Amino acid sequence: MRLWLKYAKIEQGNIMKVPDEIAVALVTAICVLGLAVAIKNVFNVNAPFLFSIAAPIYPFIVYLITRPTVERFKHETLLWSAVIALVSVFTLLVYVA
C-alpha cells in the first residue's frame, strides 16, 4: 500500500489523483484486453496480433516518446486516452466489417 501512496498524490478532500502515465497506461491495457476478447471470442475473427490487438499500444508508445519533448497542456491525458480508444474502435471496425 505504501508504494501506491508514494506514486499517487493526495488532493484536498481525500481524493487520490492517478498520475498521467498510469492513467493512459490503464486505458491502453483496457483497450488491448477489450480488443483481444472482442476479436477472438465475440466476433471469432483471426487477425494478426501486431496489426489488430496491439494497435492501441502504438499511440501509447508515441505518447511516451513525445511526452518529455512536447509542451504539456491541461487535458493532455484525456486527449491521448481518446486517441487510444478511437484507434481501438477503428481497429475493431476494420476487422469486423
C-alpha atoms as a PDB file:
ATOM      1  CA  MET A   1       0.000   0.000   0.000  1.00  0.00           C
ATOM      2  CA  ARG A   2       2.829   2.398   0.728  1.00  0.00           C
ATOM      3  CA  LEU A   3       4.252   2.034  -2.781  1.00  0.00           C
ATOM      4  CA  TRP A   4       0.941   3.158  -4.263  1.00  0.00           C
ATOM      5  CA  LEU A   5       0.823   6.150  -1.932  1.00  0.00           C
ATOM      6  CA  LYS A   6       4.344   7.051  -2.986  1.00  0.00           C
ATOM      7  CA  TYR A   7       3.240   7.499  -6.619  1.00  0.00           C
ATOM      8  CA  ALA A   8      -0.245   8.888  -6.009  1.00  0.00           C
ATOM      9  CA  LYS A   9      -0.862  12.449  -4.962  1.00  0.00           C
ATOM     10  CA  ILE A  10      -3.431  13.075  -2.276  1.00  0.00           C
ATOM     11  CA  GLU A  11      -5.564  16.079  -3.196  1.00  0.00           C
ATOM     12  CA  GLN A  12      -7.844  18.075  -0.946  1.00  0.00           C
ATOM     13  CA  GLY A  13     -10.881  16.176   0.210  1.00  0.00           C
ATOM     14  CA  ASN A  14      -9.037  12.828   0.347  1.00  0.00           C
ATOM     15  CA  ILE A  15      -9.363  12.267  -3.397  1.00  0.00           C
ATOM     16  CA  MET A  16      -6.422  10.376  -4.842  1.00  0.00           C
ATOM     17  CA  LYS A  17      -5.168  11.592  -8.231  1.00  0.00           C
ATOM     18  CA  VAL A  18      -3.674   8.949 -10.510  1.00  0.00           C
ATOM     19  CA  PRO A  19      -0.510  10.101 -12.324  1.00  0.00           C
ATOM     20  CA  ASP A  20      -0.922  10.800 -16.044  1.00  0.00           C
ATOM     21  CA  GLU A  21       1.313   7.956 -17.238  1.00  0.00           C
ATOM     22  CA  ILE A  22      -0.592   5.404 -15.191  1.00  0.00           C
ATOM     23  CA  ALA A  23      -3.987   6.691 -16.381  1.00  0.00           C
ATOM     24  CA  VAL A  24      -3.007   6.449 -20.056  1.00  0.00           C
ATOM     25  CA  ALA A  25      -1.406   3.033 -19.464  1.00  0.00           C
ATOM     26  CA  LEU A  26      -4.629   1.771 -17.852  1.00  0.00           C
ATOM     27  CA  VAL A  27      -6.688   2.981 -20.824  1.00  0.00           C
ATOM     28  CA  THR A  28      -4.247   1.222 -23.154  1.00  0.00           C
ATOM     29  CA  ALA A  29      -4.422  -2.020 -21.179  1.00  0.00           C
ATOM     30  CA  ILE A  30      -8.226  -1.966 -21.112  1.00  0.00           C
ATOM     31  CA  CYS A  31      -8.353  -1.335 -24.865  1.00  0.00           C
ATOM     32  CA  VAL A  32      -5.887  -4.149 -25.639  1.00  0.00           C
ATOM     33  CA  LEU A  33      -7.795  -6.612 -23.472  1.00  0.00           C
ATOM     34  CA  GLY A  34     -11.125  -5.467 -24.900  1.00  0.00           C
ATOM     35  CA  LEU A  35      -9.878  -5.880 -28.464  1.00  0.00           C
ATOM     36  CA  ALA A  36      -8.493  -9.328 -27.700  1.00  0.00           C
ATOM     37  CA  VAL A  37     -11.764 -10.516 -26.204  1.00  0.00           C
ATOM     38  CA  ALA A  38     -13.919  -8.909 -28.893  1.00  0.00           C
ATOM     39  CA  ILE A  39     -11.875 -10.096 -31.875  1.00  0.00           C
ATOM     40  CA  LYS A  40     -11.203 -13.642 -30.709  1.00  0.00           C
ATOM     41  CA  ASN A  41     -14.284 -14.537 -28.665  1.00  0.00           C
ATOM     42  CA  VAL A  42     -17.166 -12.297 -29.691  1.00  0.00           C
ATOM     43  CA  PHE A  43     -16.612 -11.935 -33.437  1.00  0.00           C
ATOM     44  CA  ASN A  44     -14.425 -15.054 -33.913  1.00  0.00           C
ATOM     45  CA  VAL A  45     -12.031 -13.384 -36.361  1.00  0.00           C
ATOM     46  CA  ASN A  46      -8.443 -14.498 -36.987  1.00  0.00           C
ATOM     47  CA  ALA A  47      -6.492 -11.239 -37.001  1.00  0.00           C
ATOM     48  CA  PRO A  48      -2.714 -10.746 -36.787  1.00  0.00           C
ATOM     49  CA  PHE A  49      -1.572  -9.655 -33.345  1.00  0.00           C
ATOM     50  CA  LEU A  50       0.730  -6.794 -34.365  1.00  0.00           C
ATOM     51  CA  PHE A  51      -1.842  -5.061 -36.568  1.00  0.00           C
ATOM     52  CA  SER A  52      -5.027  -5.735 -34.645  1.00  0.00           C
ATOM     53  CA  ILE A  53      -4.828  -6.471 -30.948  1.00  0.00           C
ATOM     54  CA  ALA A  54      -1.627  -4.494 -30.343  1.00  0.00           C
ATOM     55  CA  ALA A  55      -2.921  -1.418 -32.218  1.00  0.00           C
ATOM     56  CA  PRO A  56      -3.628   0.654 -29.043  1.00  0.00           C
ATOM     57  CA  ILE A  57      -0.039   0.163 -27.918  1.00  0.00           C
ATOM     58  CA  TYR A  58       1.346   2.237 -30.807  1.00  0.00           C
ATOM     59  CA  PRO A  59      -0.262   5.570 -29.776  1.00  0.00           C
ATOM     60  CA  PHE A  60       0.821   4.829 -26.203  1.00  0.00           C
ATOM     61  CA  ILE A  61       4.438   4.458 -27.360  1.00  0.00           C
ATOM     62  CA  VAL A  62       4.138   7.762 -29.226  1.00  0.00           C
ATOM     63  CA  TYR A  63       2.753   9.324 -26.026  1.00  0.00           C
ATOM     64  CA  LEU A  64       5.707   8.077 -24.005  1.00  0.00           C
ATOM     65  CA  ILE A  65       8.259   9.261 -26.576  1.00  0.00           C
ATOM     66  CA  THR A  66       6.775  12.720 -27.157  1.00  0.00           C
ATOM     67  CA  ARG A  67       5.789  13.441 -23.567  1.00  0.00           C
ATOM     68  CA  PRO A  68       9.137  14.920 -22.424  1.00  0.00           C
ATOM     69  CA  THR A  69       9.606  16.967 -25.600  1.00  0.00           C
ATOM     70  CA  VAL A  70       6.142  18.429 -26.217  1.00  0.00           C
ATOM     71  CA  GLU A  71       4.772  21.299 -24.161  1.00  0.00           C
ATOM     72  CA  ARG A  72       2.146  19.981 -21.769  1.00  0.00           C
ATOM     73  CA  PHE A  73      -1.388  21.285 -21.579  1.00  0.00           C
ATOM     74  CA  LYS A  74      -4.320  20.810 -19.237  1.00  0.00           C
ATOM     75  CA  HIS A  75      -6.248  17.965 -20.900  1.00  0.00           C
ATOM     76  CA  GLU A  76      -3.320  16.046 -22.393  1.00  0.00           C
ATOM     77  CA  THR A  77      -4.199  12.798 -20.614  1.00  0.00           C
ATOM     78  CA  LEU A  78      -7.785  12.950 -21.841  1.00  0.00           C
ATOM     79  CA  LEU A  79      -6.647  13.614 -25.409  1.00  0.00           C
ATOM     80  CA  TRP A  80      -4.222  10.682 -25.519  1.00  0.00           C
ATOM     81  CA  SER A  81      -6.785   8.389 -23.883  1.00  0.00           C
ATOM     82  CA  ALA A  82      -9.344   9.390 -26.518  1.00  0.00           C
ATOM     83  CA  VAL A  83      -6.845   8.747 -29.320  1.00  0.00           C
ATOM     84  CA  ILE A  84      -6.090   5.283 -27.947  1.00  0.00           C
ATOM     85  CA  ALA A  85      -9.800   4.473 -27.592  1.00  0.00           C
ATOM     86  CA  LEU A  86     -10.522   5.682 -31.142  1.00  0.00           C
ATOM     87  CA  VAL A  87      -7.675   3.590 -32.558  1.00  0.00           C
ATOM     88  CA  SER A  88      -9.190   0.587 -30.776  1.00  0.00           C
ATOM     89  CA  VAL A  89     -12.671   1.250 -32.166  1.00  0.00           C
ATOM     90  CA  PHE A  90     -11.380   1.776 -35.718  1.00  0.00           C
ATOM     91  CA  THR A  91      -9.281  -1.393 -35.491  1.00  0.00           C
ATOM     92  CA  LEU A  92     -12.323  -3.335 -34.380  1.00  0.00           C
ATOM     93  CA  LEU A  93     -14.380  -1.883 -37.229  1.00  0.00           C
ATOM     94  CA  VAL A  94     -11.722  -2.808 -39.806  1.00  0.00           C
ATOM     95  CA  TYR A  95     -11.544  -6.452 -38.745  1.00  0.00           C
ATOM     96  CA  VAL A  96     -15.243  -6.974 -38.076  1.00  0.00           C
ATOM     97  CA  ALA A  97     -16.746  -5.172 -41.056  1.00  0.00           C
END
